[in-house]
PDB file of N, CA and C in Angstrom:
ATOM      1  N   MET A   1     103.634  94.100  95.691  1.00  0.00           N
ATOM      2  CA  MET A   1     103.067  95.051  96.624  1.00  0.00           C
ATOM      3  C   MET A   1     103.963  96.295  96.642  1.00  0.00           C
ATOM      4  N   THR A   2     103.364  97.463  96.571  1.00  0.00           N
ATOM      5  CA  THR A   2     104.134  98.699  96.574  1.00  0.00           C
ATOM      6  C   THR A   2     104.589  99.040  97.988  1.00  0.00           C
ATOM      7  N   ASP A   3     105.537  99.962  98.081  1.00  0.00           N
ATOM      8  CA  ASP A   3     105.990 100.415  99.393  1.00  0.00           C
ATOM      9  C   ASP A   3     104.829 100.988 100.200  1.00  0.00           C
ATOM     10  N   GLU A   4     103.949 101.703  99.507  1.00  0.00           N
ATOM     11  CA  GLU A   4     102.822 102.329 100.190  1.00  0.00           C
ATOM     12  C   GLU A   4     101.865 101.274 100.763  1.00  0.00           C
ATOM     13  N   GLU A   5     101.548 100.248  99.986  1.00  0.00           N
ATOM     14  CA  GLU A   5     100.650  99.193 100.461  1.00  0.00           C
ATOM     15  C   GLU A   5     101.274  98.426 101.622  1.00  0.00           C
ATOM     16  N   MET A   6     102.543  98.093 101.485  1.00  0.00           N
ATOM     17  CA  MET A   6     103.245  97.373 102.538  1.00  0.00           C
ATOM     18  C   MET A   6     103.301  98.220 103.804  1.00  0.00           C
ATOM     19  N   SER A   7     103.558  99.501 103.641  1.00  0.00           N
ATOM     20  CA  SER A   7     103.649 100.394 104.792  1.00  0.00           C
ATOM     21  C   SER A   7     102.309 100.506 105.501  1.00  0.00           C
ATOM     22  N   LYS A   8     101.247 100.629 104.740  1.00  0.00           N
ATOM     23  CA  LYS A   8      99.914 100.745 105.347  1.00  0.00           C
ATOM     24  C   LYS A   8      99.586  99.494 106.153  1.00  0.00           C
ATOM     25  N   ARG A   9      99.865  98.338 105.580  1.00  0.00           N
ATOM     26  CA  ARG A   9      99.614  97.087 106.300  1.00  0.00           C
ATOM     27  C   ARG A   9     100.460  96.984 107.566  1.00  0.00           C
ATOM     28  N   ALA A  10     101.723  97.387 107.457  1.00  0.00           N
ATOM     29  CA  ALA A  10     102.620  97.306 108.613  1.00  0.00           C
ATOM     30  C   ALA A  10     102.177  98.247 109.734  1.00  0.00           C
ATOM     31  N   VAL A  11     101.763  99.449 109.370  1.00  0.00           N
ATOM     32  CA  VAL A  11     101.334 100.412 110.382  1.00  0.00           C
ATOM     33  C   VAL A  11     100.014  99.985 111.008  1.00  0.00           C
ATOM     34  N   THR A  12      99.049  99.603 110.196  1.00  0.00           N
ATOM     35  CA  THR A  12      97.734  99.247 110.734  1.00  0.00           C
ATOM     36  C   THR A  12      97.745  97.933 111.510  1.00  0.00           C
ATOM     37  N   SER A  13      98.661  97.031 111.186  1.00  0.00           N
ATOM     38  CA  SER A  13      98.737  95.764 111.916  1.00  0.00           C
ATOM     39  C   SER A  13      99.590  95.861 113.174  1.00  0.00           C
ATOM     40  N   GLY A  14     100.371  96.929 113.284  1.00  0.00           N
ATOM     41  CA  GLY A  14     101.261  97.089 114.428  1.00  0.00           C
ATOM     42  C   GLY A  14     102.660  96.560 114.180  1.00  0.00           C
ATOM     43  N   ALA A  15     102.891  95.947 113.024  1.00  0.00           N
ATOM     44  CA  ALA A  15     104.205  95.378 112.722  1.00  0.00           C
ATOM     45  C   ALA A  15     105.285  96.450 112.624  1.00  0.00           C
ATOM     46  N   ALA A  16     104.913  97.659 112.264  1.00  0.00           N
ATOM     47  CA  ALA A  16     105.887  98.741 112.124  1.00  0.00           C
ATOM     48  C   ALA A  16     106.327  99.286 113.474  1.00  0.00           C
ATOM     49  N   ALA A  17     105.647  98.903 114.529  1.00  0.00           N
ATOM     50  CA  ALA A  17     105.981  99.398 115.859  1.00  0.00           C
ATOM     51  C   ALA A  17     107.208  98.702 116.445  1.00  0.00           C
ATOM     52  N   THR A  18     107.596  97.579 115.883  1.00  0.00           N
ATOM     53  CA  THR A  18     108.748  96.840 116.389  1.00  0.00           C
ATOM     54  C   THR A  18     109.868  96.833 115.353  1.00  0.00           C
ATOM     55  N   VAL A  19     111.060  96.681 115.833  1.00  0.00           N
ATOM     56  CA  VAL A  19     112.218  96.632 114.946  1.00  0.00           C
ATOM     57  C   VAL A  19     112.097  95.416 114.038  1.00  0.00           C
ATOM     58  N   GLY A  20     112.304  95.641 112.754  1.00  0.00           N
ATOM     59  CA  GLY A  20     112.215  94.543 111.814  1.00  0.00           C
ATOM     60  C   GLY A  20     112.257  95.023 110.381  1.00  0.00           C
ATOM     61  N   VAL A  21     112.067  94.105 109.478  1.00  0.00           N
ATOM     62  CA  VAL A  21     112.159  94.375 108.048  1.00  0.00           C
ATOM     63  C   VAL A  21     111.133  95.420 107.607  1.00  0.00           C
ATOM     64  N   ARG A  22     109.914  95.317 108.088  1.00  0.00           N
ATOM     65  CA  ARG A  22     108.866  96.251 107.654  1.00  0.00           C
ATOM     66  C   ARG A  22     109.152  97.664 108.126  1.00  0.00           C
ATOM     67  N   ARG A  23     109.558  97.813 109.364  1.00  0.00           N
ATOM     68  CA  ARG A  23     109.891  99.141 109.899  1.00  0.00           C
ATOM     69  C   ARG A  23     111.059  99.741 109.132  1.00  0.00           C
ATOM     70  N   THR A  24     112.069  98.930 108.863  1.00  0.00           N
ATOM     71  CA  THR A  24     113.229  99.389 108.099  1.00  0.00           C
ATOM     72  C   THR A  24     112.822  99.824 106.696  1.00  0.00           C
ATOM     73  N   ALA A  25     111.931  99.069 106.064  1.00  0.00           N
ATOM     74  CA  ALA A  25     111.468  99.419 104.713  1.00  0.00           C
ATOM     75  C   ALA A  25     110.743 100.761 104.712  1.00  0.00           C
ATOM     76  N   ILE A  26     109.972 101.024 105.753  1.00  0.00           N
ATOM     77  CA  ILE A  26     109.286 102.318 105.849  1.00  0.00           C
ATOM     78  C   ILE A  26     110.310 103.443 105.954  1.00  0.00           C
ATOM     79  N   PHE A  27     111.287 103.282 106.825  1.00  0.00           N
ATOM     80  CA  PHE A  27     112.310 104.320 106.978  1.00  0.00           C
ATOM     81  C   PHE A  27     113.096 104.518 105.685  1.00  0.00           C
ATOM     82  N   GLU A  28     113.410 103.439 104.986  1.00  0.00           N
ATOM     83  CA  GLU A  28     114.142 103.558 103.724  1.00  0.00           C
ATOM     84  C   GLU A  28     113.311 104.285 102.668  1.00  0.00           C
ATOM     85  N   ALA A  29     112.008 104.008 102.618  1.00  0.00           N
ATOM     86  CA  ALA A  29     111.132 104.676 101.644  1.00  0.00           C
ATOM     87  C   ALA A  29     111.034 106.171 101.949  1.00  0.00           C
ATOM     88  N   VAL A  30     110.926 106.520 103.214  1.00  0.00           N
ATOM     89  CA  VAL A  30     110.852 107.942 103.589  1.00  0.00           C
ATOM     90  C   VAL A  30     112.189 108.618 103.328  1.00  0.00           C
ATOM     91  N   ARG A  31     113.261 107.941 103.641  1.00  0.00           N
ATOM     92  CA  ARG A  31     114.599 108.501 103.409  1.00  0.00           C
ATOM     93  C   ARG A  31     114.822 108.742 101.915  1.00  0.00           C
ATOM     94  N   ALA A  32     114.337 107.854 101.080  1.00  0.00           N
ATOM     95  CA  ALA A  32     114.513 107.974  99.627  1.00  0.00           C
ATOM     96  C   ALA A  32     113.710 109.134  99.047  1.00  0.00           C
ATOM     97  N   ASP A  33     112.538 109.408  99.602  1.00  0.00           N
ATOM     98  CA  ASP A  33     111.687 110.493  99.098  1.00  0.00           C
ATOM     99  C   ASP A  33     110.862 111.036 100.249  1.00  0.00           C
ATOM    100  N   ARG A  34     111.390 112.064 100.892  1.00  0.00           N
ATOM    101  CA  ARG A  34     110.741 112.610 102.091  1.00  0.00           C
ATOM    102  C   ARG A  34     109.371 113.212 101.819  1.00  0.00           C
ATOM    103  N   ASN A  35     109.081 113.537 100.592  1.00  0.00           N
ATOM    104  CA  ASN A  35     107.765 114.068 100.223  1.00  0.00           C
ATOM    105  C   ASN A  35     106.965 113.055  99.407  1.00  0.00           C
ATOM    106  N   GLY A  36     107.374 111.802  99.466  1.00  0.00           N
ATOM    107  CA  GLY A  36     106.774 110.763  98.637  1.00  0.00           C
ATOM    108  C   GLY A  36     105.527 110.142  99.225  1.00  0.00           C
ATOM    109  N   PRO A  37     105.063 109.081  98.588  1.00  0.00           N
ATOM    110  CA  PRO A  37     103.796 108.455  98.969  1.00  0.00           C
ATOM    111  C   PRO A  37     103.802 107.806 100.357  1.00  0.00           C
ATOM    112  N   VAL A  38     104.923 107.269 100.787  1.00  0.00           N
ATOM    113  CA  VAL A  38     104.950 106.633 102.116  1.00  0.00           C
ATOM    114  C   VAL A  38     104.855 107.705 103.199  1.00  0.00           C
ATOM    115  N   THR A  39     105.546 108.814 103.005  1.00  0.00           N
ATOM    116  CA  THR A  39     105.436 109.921 103.957  1.00  0.00           C
ATOM    117  C   THR A  39     104.005 110.439 103.993  1.00  0.00           C
ATOM    118  N   GLY A  40     103.407 110.594 102.826  1.00  0.00           N
ATOM    119  CA  GLY A  40     102.013 111.031 102.750  1.00  0.00           C
ATOM    120  C   GLY A  40     101.078 110.063 103.450  1.00  0.00           C
ATOM    121  N   LEU A  41     101.337 108.783 103.282  1.00  0.00           N
ATOM    122  CA  LEU A  41     100.521 107.765 103.939  1.00  0.00           C
ATOM    123  C   LEU A  41     100.630 107.883 105.456  1.00  0.00           C
ATOM    124  N   LEU A  42     101.846 108.032 105.963  1.00  0.00           N
ATOM    125  CA  LEU A  42     102.031 108.169 107.411  1.00  0.00           C
ATOM    126  C   LEU A  42     101.301 109.400 107.940  1.00  0.00           C
ATOM    127  N   LEU A  43     101.377 110.498 107.209  1.00  0.00           N
ATOM    128  CA  LEU A  43     100.666 111.709 107.619  1.00  0.00           C
ATOM    129  C   LEU A  43      99.151 111.489 107.607  1.00  0.00           C
ATOM    130  N   ALA A  44      98.651 110.800 106.581  1.00  0.00           N
ATOM    131  CA  ALA A  44      97.215 110.519 106.496  1.00  0.00           C
ATOM    132  C   ALA A  44      96.765 109.602 107.625  1.00  0.00           C
ATOM    133  N   LEU A  45      97.553 108.572 107.922  1.00  0.00           N
ATOM    134  CA  LEU A  45      97.203 107.656 109.013  1.00  0.00           C
ATOM    135  C   LEU A  45      97.270 108.360 110.361  1.00  0.00           C
ATOM    136  N   ALA A  46      98.222 109.262 110.525  1.00  0.00           N
ATOM    137  CA  ALA A  46      98.331 110.018 111.769  1.00  0.00           C
ATOM    138  C   ALA A  46      97.128 110.924 111.966  1.00  0.00           C
ATOM    139  N   ASP A  47      96.500 111.319 110.872  1.00  0.00           N
ATOM    140  CA  ASP A  47      95.361 112.234 110.936  1.00  0.00           C
ATOM    141  C   ASP A  47      94.025 111.509 111.011  1.00  0.00           C
ATOM    142  N   ALA A  48      93.883 110.393 110.317  1.00  0.00           N
ATOM    143  CA  ALA A  48      92.548 109.808 110.193  1.00  0.00           C
ATOM    144  C   ALA A  48      92.488 108.298 110.334  1.00  0.00           C
ATOM    145  N   GLY A  49      93.553 107.673 110.754  1.00  0.00           N
ATOM    146  CA  GLY A  49      93.527 106.226 110.890  1.00  0.00           C
ATOM    147  C   GLY A  49      92.880 105.795 112.199  1.00  0.00           C
ATOM    148  N   ALA A  50      92.838 104.512 112.417  1.00  0.00           N
ATOM    149  CA  ALA A  50      92.366 103.993 113.699  1.00  0.00           C
ATOM    150  C   ALA A  50      93.323 104.456 114.796  1.00  0.00           C
ATOM    151  N   ALA A  51      92.876 104.477 116.030  1.00  0.00           N
ATOM    152  CA  ALA A  51      93.682 105.029 117.129  1.00  0.00           C
ATOM    153  C   ALA A  51      95.085 104.418 117.199  1.00  0.00           C
ATOM    154  N   GLU A  52      95.182 103.102 117.138  1.00  0.00           N
ATOM    155  CA  GLU A  52      96.491 102.451 117.221  1.00  0.00           C
ATOM    156  C   GLU A  52      97.356 102.799 116.021  1.00  0.00           C
ATOM    157  N   ALA A  53      96.752 102.878 114.841  1.00  0.00           N
ATOM    158  CA  ALA A  53      97.494 103.241 113.642  1.00  0.00           C
ATOM    159  C   ALA A  53      97.970 104.688 113.721  1.00  0.00           C
ATOM    160  N   ARG A  54      97.141 105.579 114.290  1.00  0.00           N
ATOM    161  CA  ARG A  54      97.552 106.982 114.451  1.00  0.00           C
ATOM    162  C   ARG A  54      98.777 107.083 115.335  1.00  0.00           C
ATOM    163  N   VAL A  55      98.743 106.373 116.453  1.00  0.00           N
ATOM    164  CA  VAL A  55      99.876 106.403 117.378  1.00  0.00           C
ATOM    165  C   VAL A  55     101.131 105.851 116.704  1.00  0.00           C
ATOM    166  N   SER A  56     101.000 104.742 116.013  1.00  0.00           N
ATOM    167  CA  SER A  56     102.136 104.132 115.325  1.00  0.00           C
ATOM    168  C   SER A  56     102.703 105.064 114.262  1.00  0.00           C
ATOM    169  N   ALA A  57     101.836 105.682 113.468  1.00  0.00           N
ATOM    170  CA  ALA A  57     102.282 106.594 112.410  1.00  0.00           C
ATOM    171  C   ALA A  57     102.991 107.797 113.008  1.00  0.00           C
ATOM    172  N   ILE A  58     102.448 108.339 114.082  1.00  0.00           N
ATOM    173  CA  ILE A  58     103.077 109.493 114.733  1.00  0.00           C
ATOM    174  C   ILE A  58     104.442 109.117 115.287  1.00  0.00           C
ATOM    175  N   GLU A  59     104.540 107.949 115.905  1.00  0.00           N
ATOM    176  CA  GLU A  59     105.830 107.501 116.427  1.00  0.00           C
ATOM    177  C   GLU A  59     106.850 107.334 115.302  1.00  0.00           C
ATOM    178  N   LEU A  60     106.418 106.801 114.174  1.00  0.00           N
ATOM    179  CA  LEU A  60     107.325 106.650 113.034  1.00  0.00           C
ATOM    180  C   LEU A  60     107.767 108.010 112.506  1.00  0.00           C
ATOM    181  N   LEU A  61     106.843 108.945 112.414  1.00  0.00           N
ATOM    182  CA  LEU A  61     107.183 110.285 111.930  1.00  0.00           C
ATOM    183  C   LEU A  61     108.073 111.047 112.913  1.00  0.00           C
ATOM    184  N   CYS A  62     107.995 110.709 114.176  1.00  0.00           N
ATOM    185  CA  CYS A  62     108.789 111.403 115.206  1.00  0.00           C
ATOM    186  C   CYS A  62     110.111 110.704 115.493  1.00  0.00           C
ATOM    187  N   SER A  63     110.533 109.835 114.632  1.00  0.00           N
ATOM    188  CA  SER A  63     111.791 109.110 114.810  1.00  0.00           C
ATOM    189  C   SER A  63     112.833 109.625 113.836  1.00  0.00           C
ATOM    190  N   PRO A  64     113.254 110.894 113.971  1.00  0.00           N
ATOM    191  CA  PRO A  64     114.177 111.464 112.982  1.00  0.00           C
ATOM    192  C   PRO A  64     115.516 110.757 112.914  1.00  0.00           C
ATOM    193  N   ALA A  65     115.975 110.176 114.004  1.00  0.00           N
ATOM    194  CA  ALA A  65     117.263 109.482 113.976  1.00  0.00           C
ATOM    195  C   ALA A  65     117.235 108.329 113.001  1.00  0.00           C
ATOM    196  N   GLU A  66     116.074 107.701 112.844  1.00  0.00           N
ATOM    197  CA  GLU A  66     115.941 106.575 111.941  1.00  0.00           C
ATOM    198  C   GLU A  66     116.059 106.988 110.479  1.00  0.00           C
ATOM    199  N   PHE A  67     115.788 108.278 110.184  1.00  0.00           N
ATOM    200  CA  PHE A  67     115.812 108.751 108.805  1.00  0.00           C
ATOM    201  C   PHE A  67     117.189 109.242 108.393  1.00  0.00           C
ATOM    202  N   GLY A  68     118.134 109.236 109.296  1.00  0.00           N
ATOM    203  CA  GLY A  68     119.515 109.602 108.961  1.00  0.00           C
ATOM    204  C   GLY A  68     119.793 111.056 108.851  1.00  0.00           C
TER     205      GLY A  68
END
């Protein structure tokens, strides 16, 4: 499973909303490539995902301390 697929599942299921391996993997993927596919996915989910996924994606994008 790619980082993008794992991230999408974590965000849409709500698993990324809590501290854990999936949330950490998302932050590591964004930190590694801030303009990469995981960042693009979060932006897309924040714009057009289900309501809960939009909120989760926005919260992840607004957590700059997590990105170092």
